[in-house]
Structures are given as structure tokens and as C-alpha cells.
PDB file of N, CA and C in Angstrom:
ATOM      1  N   MET A   1      61.456  96.373   2.943  1.00  0.00           N
ATOM      2  CA  MET A   1      62.175  97.390   3.697  1.00  0.00           C
ATOM      3  C   MET A   1      61.198  98.082   4.641  1.00  0.00           C
ATOM      4  N   GLY A   2      60.117  98.482   4.196  1.00  0.00           N
ATOM      5  CA  GLY A   2      58.908  99.005   4.796  1.00  0.00           C
ATOM      6  C   GLY A   2      58.894  99.638   6.169  1.00  0.00           C
ATOM      7  N   GLU A   3      58.129  99.006   7.044  1.00  0.00           N
ATOM      8  CA  GLU A   3      57.735  99.611   8.306  1.00  0.00           C
ATOM      9  C   GLU A   3      58.914  99.943   9.221  1.00  0.00           C
ATOM     10  N   ALA A   4      59.868  99.062   9.337  1.00  0.00           N
ATOM     11  CA  ALA A   4      61.016  99.317  10.217  1.00  0.00           C
ATOM     12  C   ALA A   4      61.797 100.545   9.755  1.00  0.00           C
ATOM     13  N   ARG A   5      61.976 100.686   8.449  1.00  0.00           N
ATOM     14  CA  ARG A   5      62.694 101.860   7.943  1.00  0.00           C
ATOM     15  C   ARG A   5      61.849 103.124   8.141  1.00  0.00           C
ATOM     16  N   GLY A   6      60.544 102.979   7.992  1.00  0.00           N
ATOM     17  CA  GLY A   6      59.653 104.114   8.251  1.00  0.00           C
ATOM     18  C   GLY A   6      59.770 104.595   9.683  1.00  0.00           C
ATOM     19  N   ASP A   7      59.890 103.649  10.619  1.00  0.00           N
ATOM     20  CA  ASP A   7      60.078 104.007  12.026  1.00  0.00           C
ATOM     21  C   ASP A   7      61.399 104.742  12.226  1.00  0.00           C
ATOM     22  N   GLN A   8      62.441 104.293  11.545  1.00  0.00           N
ATOM     23  CA  GLN A   8      63.743 104.970  11.652  1.00  0.00           C
ATOM     24  C   GLN A   8      63.647 106.396  11.121  1.00  0.00           C
ATOM     25  N   ILE A   9      62.953 106.574  10.021  1.00  0.00           N
ATOM     26  CA  ILE A   9      62.793 107.909   9.449  1.00  0.00           C
ATOM     27  C   ILE A   9      61.987 108.794  10.396  1.00  0.00           C
ATOM     28  N   GLU A  10      60.973 108.232  11.016  1.00  0.00           N
ATOM     29  CA  GLU A  10      60.160 108.983  11.986  1.00  0.00           C
ATOM     30  C   GLU A  10      61.020 109.460  13.156  1.00  0.00           C
ATOM     31  N   ARG A  11      61.884 108.585  13.680  1.00  0.00           N
ATOM     32  CA  ARG A  11      62.763 108.977  14.792  1.00  0.00           C
ATOM     33  C   ARG A  11      63.776 110.031  14.360  1.00  0.00           C
ATOM     34  N   LEU A  12      64.278 109.916  13.148  1.00  0.00           N
ATOM     35  CA  LEU A  12      65.200 110.916  12.610  1.00  0.00           C
ATOM     36  C   LEU A  12      64.495 112.269  12.524  1.00  0.00           C
ATOM     37  N   THR A  13      63.278 112.268  12.000  1.00  0.00           N
ATOM     38  CA  THR A  13      62.496 113.490  11.872  1.00  0.00           C
ATOM     39  C   THR A  13      62.234 114.116  13.241  1.00  0.00           C
ATOM     40  N   CYS A  14      61.914 113.260  14.214  1.00  0.00           N
ATOM     41  CA  CYS A  14      61.659 113.740  15.569  1.00  0.00           C
ATOM     42  C   CYS A  14      62.903 114.404  16.160  1.00  0.00           C
ATOM     43  N   SER A  15      64.066 113.828  15.918  1.00  0.00           N
ATOM     44  CA  SER A  15      65.309 114.433  16.405  1.00  0.00           C
ATOM     45  C   SER A  15      65.508 115.818  15.806  1.00  0.00           C
ATOM     46  N   LEU A  16      65.208 115.954  14.525  1.00  0.00           N
ATOM     47  CA  LEU A  16      65.342 117.268  13.886  1.00  0.00           C
ATOM     48  C   LEU A  16      64.316 118.249  14.452  1.00  0.00           C
ATOM     49  N   TRP A  17      63.103 117.788  14.688  1.00  0.00           N
ATOM     50  CA  TRP A  17      62.042 118.619  15.260  1.00  0.00           C
ATOM     51  C   TRP A  17      62.507 119.205  16.594  1.00  0.00           C
ATOM     52  N   HIS A  18      63.287 118.415  17.343  1.00  0.00           N
ATOM     53  CA  HIS A  18      63.766 118.850  18.643  1.00  0.00           C
ATOM     54  C   HIS A  18      65.159 119.490  18.576  1.00  0.00           C
ATOM     55  N   GLY A  19      65.625 119.802  17.373  1.00  0.00           N
ATOM     56  CA  GLY A  19      66.891 120.511  17.211  1.00  0.00           C
ATOM     57  C   GLY A  19      68.117 119.678  17.518  1.00  0.00           C
ATOM     58  N   GLN A  20      67.984 118.365  17.542  1.00  0.00           N
ATOM     59  CA  GLN A  20      69.081 117.467  17.889  1.00  0.00           C
ATOM     60  C   GLN A  20      69.783 117.001  16.607  1.00  0.00           C
ATOM     61  N   VAL A  21      70.551 117.894  16.043  1.00  0.00           N
ATOM     62  CA  VAL A  21      71.158 117.648  14.736  1.00  0.00           C
ATOM     63  C   VAL A  21      72.126 116.472  14.766  1.00  0.00           C
ATOM     64  N   ASP A  22      73.015 116.432  15.744  1.00  0.00           N
ATOM     65  CA  ASP A  22      73.982 115.323  15.805  1.00  0.00           C
ATOM     66  C   ASP A  22      73.275 113.984  15.996  1.00  0.00           C
ATOM     67  N   LYS A  23      72.249 113.971  16.826  1.00  0.00           N
ATOM     68  CA  LYS A  23      71.482 112.749  17.039  1.00  0.00           C
ATOM     69  C   LYS A  23      70.802 112.324  15.737  1.00  0.00           C
ATOM     70  N   ALA A  24      70.250 113.287  15.002  1.00  0.00           N
ATOM     71  CA  ALA A  24      69.597 112.992  13.719  1.00  0.00           C
ATOM     72  C   ALA A  24      70.599 112.425  12.724  1.00  0.00           C
ATOM     73  N   LEU A  25      71.781 112.991  12.679  1.00  0.00           N
ATOM     74  CA  LEU A  25      72.806 112.478  11.765  1.00  0.00           C
ATOM     75  C   LEU A  25      73.224 111.062  12.148  1.00  0.00           C
ATOM     76  N   GLY A  26      73.283 110.779  13.438  1.00  0.00           N
ATOM     77  CA  GLY A  26      73.575 109.422  13.889  1.00  0.00           C
ATOM     78  C   GLY A  26      72.482 108.449  13.472  1.00  0.00           C
ATOM     79  N   LYS A  27      71.234 108.896  13.568  1.00  0.00           N
ATOM     80  CA  LYS A  27      70.120 108.051  13.148  1.00  0.00           C
ATOM     81  C   LYS A  27      70.160 107.835  11.636  1.00  0.00           C
ATOM     82  N   MET A  28      70.646 108.839  10.913  1.00  0.00           N
ATOM     83  CA  MET A  28      70.784 108.690   9.473  1.00  0.00           C
ATOM     84  C   MET A  28      71.859 107.647   9.158  1.00  0.00           C
ATOM     85  N   ASP A  29      72.933 107.638   9.928  1.00  0.00           N
ATOM     86  CA  ASP A  29      73.960 106.599   9.761  1.00  0.00           C
ATOM     87  C   ASP A  29      73.340 105.218   9.941  1.00  0.00           C
ATOM     88  N   GLY A  30      72.510 105.083  10.987  1.00  0.00           N
ATOM     89  CA  GLY A  30      71.849 103.810  11.246  1.00  0.00           C
ATOM     90  C   GLY A  30      70.908 103.407  10.120  1.00  0.00           C
ATOM     91  N   LEU A  31      70.210 104.375   9.569  1.00  0.00           N
ATOM     92  CA  LEU A  31      69.305 104.105   8.464  1.00  0.00           C
ATOM     93  C   LEU A  31      70.082 103.638   7.237  1.00  0.00           C
ATOM     94  N   GLU A  32      71.184 104.303   6.947  1.00  0.00           N
ATOM     95  CA  GLU A  32      72.001 103.923   5.796  1.00  0.00           C
ATOM     96  C   GLU A  32      72.551 102.498   5.964  1.00  0.00           C
ATOM     97  N   THR A  33      72.936 102.156   7.183  1.00  0.00           N
ATOM     98  CA  THR A  33      73.416 100.801   7.460  1.00  0.00           C
ATOM     99  C   THR A  33      72.279  99.788   7.307  1.00  0.00           C
ATOM    100  N   ALA A  34      71.101 100.149   7.780  1.00  0.00           N
ATOM    101  CA  ALA A  34      69.955  99.229   7.742  1.00  0.00           C
ATOM    102  C   ALA A  34      69.470  98.947   6.325  1.00  0.00           C
ATOM    103  N   ILE A  35      69.631  99.894   5.417  1.00  0.00           N
ATOM    104  CA  ILE A  35      69.141  99.665   4.052  1.00  0.00           C
ATOM    105  C   ILE A  35      70.160  98.961   3.165  1.00  0.00           C
ATOM    106  N   GLU A  36      71.392  98.898   3.588  1.00  0.00           N
ATOM    107  CA  GLU A  36      72.455  98.304   2.767  1.00  0.00           C
ATOM    108  C   GLU A  36      72.129  96.886   2.281  1.00  0.00           C
ATOM    109  N   PRO A  37      71.550  96.020   3.116  1.00  0.00           N
ATOM    110  CA  PRO A  37      71.238  94.664   2.633  1.00  0.00           C
ATOM    111  C   PRO A  37      70.242  94.636   1.461  1.00  0.00           C
ATOM    112  N   PHE A  38      69.554  95.732   1.230  1.00  0.00           N
ATOM    113  CA  PHE A  38      68.562  95.785   0.155  1.00  0.00           C
ATOM    114  C   PHE A  38      69.144  96.302  -1.161  1.00  0.00           C
ATOM    115  N   ARG A  39      70.454  96.546  -1.179  1.00  0.00           N
ATOM    116  CA  ARG A  39      71.125  97.106  -2.361  1.00  0.00           C
ATOM    117  C   ARG A  39      70.790  96.330  -3.633  1.00  0.00           C
ATOM    118  N   GLU A  40      70.821  95.013  -3.572  1.00  0.00           N
ATOM    119  CA  GLU A  40      70.625  94.181  -4.759  1.00  0.00           C
ATOM    120  C   GLU A  40      69.154  93.935  -5.094  1.00  0.00           C
ATOM    121  N   THR A  41      68.280  94.028  -4.104  1.00  0.00           N
ATOM    122  CA  THR A  41      66.888  93.631  -4.339  1.00  0.00           C
ATOM    123  C   THR A  41      65.915  94.799  -4.486  1.00  0.00           C
ATOM    124  N   TYR A  42      66.267  95.965  -3.997  1.00  0.00           N
ATOM    125  CA  TYR A  42      65.370  97.119  -4.067  1.00  0.00           C
ATOM    126  C   TYR A  42      65.726  97.933  -5.305  1.00  0.00           C
ATOM    127  N   THR A  43      64.816  97.954  -6.266  1.00  0.00           N
ATOM    128  CA  THR A  43      65.128  98.569  -7.562  1.00  0.00           C
ATOM    129  C   THR A  43      65.395 100.068  -7.467  1.00  0.00           C
ATOM    130  N   ARG A  44      64.834 100.724  -6.480  1.00  0.00           N
ATOM    131  CA  ARG A  44      65.038 102.173  -6.355  1.00  0.00           C
ATOM    132  C   ARG A  44      66.118 102.519  -5.331  1.00  0.00           C
ATOM    133  N   PHE A  45      66.969 101.550  -5.013  1.00  0.00           N
ATOM    134  CA  PHE A  45      68.029 101.754  -4.032  1.00  0.00           C
ATOM    135  C   PHE A  45      68.926 102.956  -4.377  1.00  0.00           C
ATOM    136  N   PRO A  46      69.393 103.093  -5.618  1.00  0.00           N
ATOM    137  CA  PRO A  46      70.254 104.245  -5.929  1.00  0.00           C
ATOM    138  C   PRO A  46      69.560 105.594  -5.680  1.00  0.00           C
ATOM    139  N   GLN A  47      68.279 105.677  -5.987  1.00  0.00           N
ATOM    140  CA  GLN A  47      67.542 106.927  -5.746  1.00  0.00           C
ATOM    141  C   GLN A  47      67.402 107.191  -4.250  1.00  0.00           C
ATOM    142  N   LEU A  48      67.181 106.133  -3.477  1.00  0.00           N
ATOM    143  CA  LEU A  48      67.066 106.284  -2.034  1.00  0.00           C
ATOM    144  C   LEU A  48      68.382 106.762  -1.435  1.00  0.00           C
ATOM    145  N   VAL A  49      69.466 106.171  -1.851  1.00  0.00           N
ATOM    146  CA  VAL A  49      70.788 106.573  -1.353  1.00  0.00           C
ATOM    147  C   VAL A  49      71.074 108.028  -1.731  1.00  0.00           C
ATOM    148  N   GLN A  50      70.729 108.411  -2.947  1.00  0.00           N
ATOM    149  CA  GLN A  50      70.940 109.794  -3.388  1.00  0.00           C
ATOM    150  C   GLN A  50      70.094 110.760  -2.561  1.00  0.00           C
ATOM    151  N   ALA A  51      68.838 110.406  -2.283  1.00  0.00           N
ATOM    152  CA  ALA A  51      67.967 111.266  -1.479  1.00  0.00           C
ATOM    153  C   ALA A  51      68.517 111.420  -0.062  1.00  0.00           C
ATOM    154  N   LEU A  52      69.001 110.335   0.524  1.00  0.00           N
ATOM    155  CA  LEU A  52      69.591 110.414   1.860  1.00  0.00           C
ATOM    156  C   LEU A  52      70.849 111.269   1.865  1.00  0.00           C
ATOM    157  N   SER A  53      71.633 111.162   0.823  1.00  0.00           N
ATOM    158  CA  SER A  53      72.842 111.971   0.709  1.00  0.00           C
ATOM    159  C   SER A  53      72.494 113.461   0.633  1.00  0.00           C
ATOM    160  N   LYS A  54      71.490 113.785  -0.163  1.00  0.00           N
ATOM    161  CA  LYS A  54      71.058 115.187  -0.273  1.00  0.00           C
ATOM    162  C   LYS A  54      70.508 115.698   1.055  1.00  0.00           C
ATOM    163  N   LEU A  55      69.744 114.848   1.750  1.00  0.00           N
ATOM    164  CA  LEU A  55      69.211 115.248   3.048  1.00  0.00           C
ATOM    165  C   LEU A  55      70.342 115.493   4.040  1.00  0.00           C
ATOM    166  N   ARG A  56      71.328 114.587   4.073  1.00  0.00           N
ATOM    167  CA  ARG A  56      72.472 114.771   4.973  1.00  0.00           C
ATOM    168  C   ARG A  56      73.190 116.089   4.685  1.00  0.00           C
ATOM    169  N   THR A  57      73.441 116.356   3.413  1.00  0.00           N
ATOM    170  CA  THR A  57      74.119 117.597   3.025  1.00  0.00           C
ATOM    171  C   THR A  57      73.319 118.813   3.476  1.00  0.00           C
ATOM    172  N   SER A  58      72.015 118.762   3.277  1.00  0.00           N
ATOM    173  CA  SER A  58      71.155 119.866   3.683  1.00  0.00           C
ATOM    174  C   SER A  58      71.202 120.083   5.191  1.00  0.00           C
ATOM    175  N   ILE A  59      71.122 119.003   5.956  1.00  0.00           N
ATOM    176  CA  ILE A  59      71.167 119.111   7.418  1.00  0.00           C
ATOM    177  C   ILE A  59      72.501 119.693   7.870  1.00  0.00           C
ATOM    178  N   VAL A  60      73.588 119.189   7.320  1.00  0.00           N
ATOM    179  CA  VAL A  60      74.919 119.664   7.716  1.00  0.00           C
ATOM    180  C   VAL A  60      75.092 121.148   7.398  1.00  0.00           C
ATOM    181  N   HIS A  61      74.630 121.565   6.233  1.00  0.00           N
ATOM    182  CA  HIS A  61      74.814 122.960   5.824  1.00  0.00           C
ATOM    183  C   HIS A  61      73.865 123.930   6.498  1.00  0.00           C
ATOM    184  N   THR A  62      72.767 123.422   7.067  1.00  0.00           N
ATOM    185  CA  THR A  62      71.798 124.315   7.709  1.00  0.00           C
ATOM    186  C   THR A  62      71.686 124.080   9.205  1.00  0.00           C
ATOM    187  N   ARG A  63      72.596 123.291   9.756  1.00  0.00           N
ATOM    188  CA  ARG A  63      72.512 122.953  11.175  1.00  0.00           C
ATOM    189  C   ARG A  63      72.455 124.177  12.072  1.00  0.00           C
ATOM    190  N   HIS A  64      73.076 125.262  11.667  1.00  0.00           N
ATOM    191  CA  HIS A  64      73.103 126.469  12.490  1.00  0.00           C
ATOM    192  C   HIS A  64      71.743 127.172  12.564  1.00  0.00           C
ATOM    193  N   VAL A  65      70.815 126.815  11.705  1.00  0.00           N
ATOM    194  CA  VAL A  65      69.483 127.430  11.738  1.00  0.00           C
ATOM    195  C   VAL A  65      68.377 126.429  12.092  1.00  0.00           C
ATOM    196  N   ILE A  66      68.733 125.196  12.410  1.00  0.00           N
ATOM    197  CA  ILE A  66      67.737 124.208  12.814  1.00  0.00           C
ATOM    198  C   ILE A  66      67.420 124.448  14.287  1.00  0.00           C
ATOM    199  N   LEU A  67      66.185 124.860  14.521  1.00  0.00           N
ATOM    200  CA  LEU A  67      65.750 125.212  15.871  1.00  0.00           C
ATOM    201  C   LEU A  67      65.074 124.027  16.547  1.00  0.00           C
ATOM    202  N   ASN A  68      64.919 124.133  17.847  1.00  0.00           N
ATOM    203  CA  ASN A  68      64.200 123.135  18.622  1.00  0.00           C
ATOM    204  C   ASN A  68      62.729 123.539  18.626  1.00  0.00           C
ATOM    205  N   ASP A  69      61.984 123.089  17.627  1.00  0.00           N
ATOM    206  CA  ASP A  69      60.578 123.463  17.512  1.00  0.00           C
ATOM    207  C   ASP A  69      59.731 122.846  18.619  1.00  0.00           C
ATOM    208  N   GLY A  70      60.128 121.695  19.133  1.00  0.00           N
ATOM    209  CA  GLY A  70      59.402 121.108  20.248  1.00  0.00           C
ATOM    210  C   GLY A  70      59.424 122.027  21.453  1.00  0.00           C
ATOM    211  N   GLU A  71      60.591 122.532  21.795  1.00  0.00           N
ATOM    212  CA  GLU A  71      60.728 123.460  22.928  1.00  0.00           C
ATOM    213  C   GLU A  71      60.016 124.774  22.642  1.00  0.00           C
ATOM    214  N   ARG A  72      60.158 125.279  21.445  1.00  0.00           N
ATOM    215  CA  ARG A  72      59.493 126.536  21.075  1.00  0.00           C
ATOM    216  C   ARG A  72      57.982 126.388  21.201  1.00  0.00           C
ATOM    217  N   SER A  73      57.446 125.262  20.784  1.00  0.00           N
ATOM    218  CA  SER A  73      56.012 125.019  20.876  1.00  0.00           C
ATOM    219  C   SER A  73      55.562 124.992  22.334  1.00  0.00           C
ATOM    220  N   ARG A  74      56.325 124.306  23.193  1.00  0.00           N
ATOM    221  CA  ARG A  74      55.975 124.237  24.619  1.00  0.00           C
ATOM    222  C   ARG A  74      56.034 125.607  25.284  1.00  0.00           C
ATOM    223  N   GLN A  75      56.902 126.479  24.784  1.00  0.00           N
ATOM    224  CA  GLN A  75      57.038 127.826  25.342  1.00  0.00           C
ATOM    225  C   GLN A  75      56.009 128.793  24.759  1.00  0.00           C
ATOM    226  N   GLY A  76      55.183 128.304  23.844  1.00  0.00           N
ATOM    227  CA  GLY A  76      54.170 129.151  23.223  1.00  0.00           C
ATOM    228  C   GLY A  76      54.721 130.041  22.122  1.00  0.00           C
ATOM    229  N   GLU A  77      55.949 129.784  21.698  1.00  0.00           N
ATOM    230  CA  GLU A  77      56.556 130.565  20.616  1.00  0.00           C
ATOM    231  C   GLU A  77      56.117 130.006  19.271  1.00  0.00           C
ATOM    232  N   ALA A  78      56.240 130.843  18.267  1.00  0.00           N
ATOM    233  CA  ALA A  78      55.887 130.424  16.915  1.00  0.00           C
ATOM    234  C   ALA A  78      56.847 129.335  16.451  1.00  0.00           C
ATOM    235  N   ILE A  79      56.296 128.378  15.739  1.00  0.00           N
ATOM    236  CA  ILE A  79      57.118 127.342  15.123  1.00  0.00           C
ATOM    237  C   ILE A  79      56.967 127.436  13.621  1.00  0.00           C
ATOM    238  N   ARG A  80      57.945 126.904  12.928  1.00  0.00           N
ATOM    239  CA  ARG A  80      57.934 126.966  11.471  1.00  0.00           C
ATOM    240  C   ARG A  80      57.144 125.800  10.906  1.00  0.00           C
ATOM    241  N   PRO A  81      56.173 126.083  10.065  1.00  0.00           N
ATOM    242  CA  PRO A  81      55.493 124.978   9.395  1.00  0.00           C
ATOM    243  C   PRO A  81      56.402 124.405   8.329  1.00  0.00           C
ATOM    244  N   GLY A  82      56.159 123.192   7.936  1.00  0.00           N
ATOM    245  CA  GLY A  82      56.940 122.645   6.836  1.00  0.00           C
ATOM    246  C   GLY A  82      57.451 121.248   7.098  1.00  0.00           C
ATOM    247  N   LEU A  83      58.632 120.984   6.586  1.00  0.00           N
ATOM    248  CA  LEU A  83      59.177 119.641   6.561  1.00  0.00           C
ATOM    249  C   LEU A  83      59.185 118.956   7.908  1.00  0.00           C
ATOM    250  N   TRP A  84      59.624 119.629   8.962  1.00  0.00           N
ATOM    251  CA  TRP A  84      59.774 118.960  10.245  1.00  0.00           C
ATOM    252  C   TRP A  84      58.524 119.067  11.103  1.00  0.00           C
ATOM    253  N   SER A  85      57.676 120.020  10.793  1.00  0.00           N
ATOM    254  CA  SER A  85      56.504 120.265  11.616  1.00  0.00           C
ATOM    255  C   SER A  85      55.427 119.211  11.393  1.00  0.00           C
ATOM    256  N   ARG A  86      54.843 118.740  12.455  1.00  0.00           N
ATOM    257  CA  ARG A  86      53.766 117.756  12.384  1.00  0.00           C
ATOM    258  C   ARG A  86      52.431 118.402  12.737  1.00  0.00           C
ATOM    259  N   ARG A  87      52.392 119.678  13.093  1.00  0.00           N
ATOM    260  CA  ARG A  87      51.152 120.311  13.547  1.00  0.00           C
ATOM    261  C   ARG A  87      50.580 121.227  12.532  1.00  0.00           C
TER     262      ARG A  87
END
């Protein structure tokens, strides 16, 4: 599953960093579709699906407070350290 899925997760994270919630959710749909063929062969598939489900729920419920940290950083404003921050 490896590198290609890691790239998808990176793009999803980048969308969230830039406050693009709908785009991030779309990328999550793509990720869920991409991992489906591994259902039978990846032993931790159920845990992965559960983690993605929890992440989706969290994004949907907090979308109103997800800021565009990329823009805030360019404007010299404070950004929040943590999950989405790479700096």
C-alpha cells in the first residue's frame, strides 16, 4: 500500500493546512477508494478504515474552525502548531 497512499495522505494534509475542507474530504474519498483493494491482504485494514472514519468525523464536526494556516503564515499571523502544521 505504501508510498502512493502516503502521497495521498500528504495531499489531504496539505488541503487541510490551507483550509480547504471540502477538497480534503474529496481526497479522503479517493484514499478510501484506493485502499479498498487491500481489504483482504492488509491485516490492519479494519483499523485503518476506523481511523479514517474518525478523522472524517473530526473534520466534518470542526470544519468551522479549520483555518487557512498557509495564508495566515504568509500574512505573518500566528499559526497553530500541531496536527496540520509542518513548521
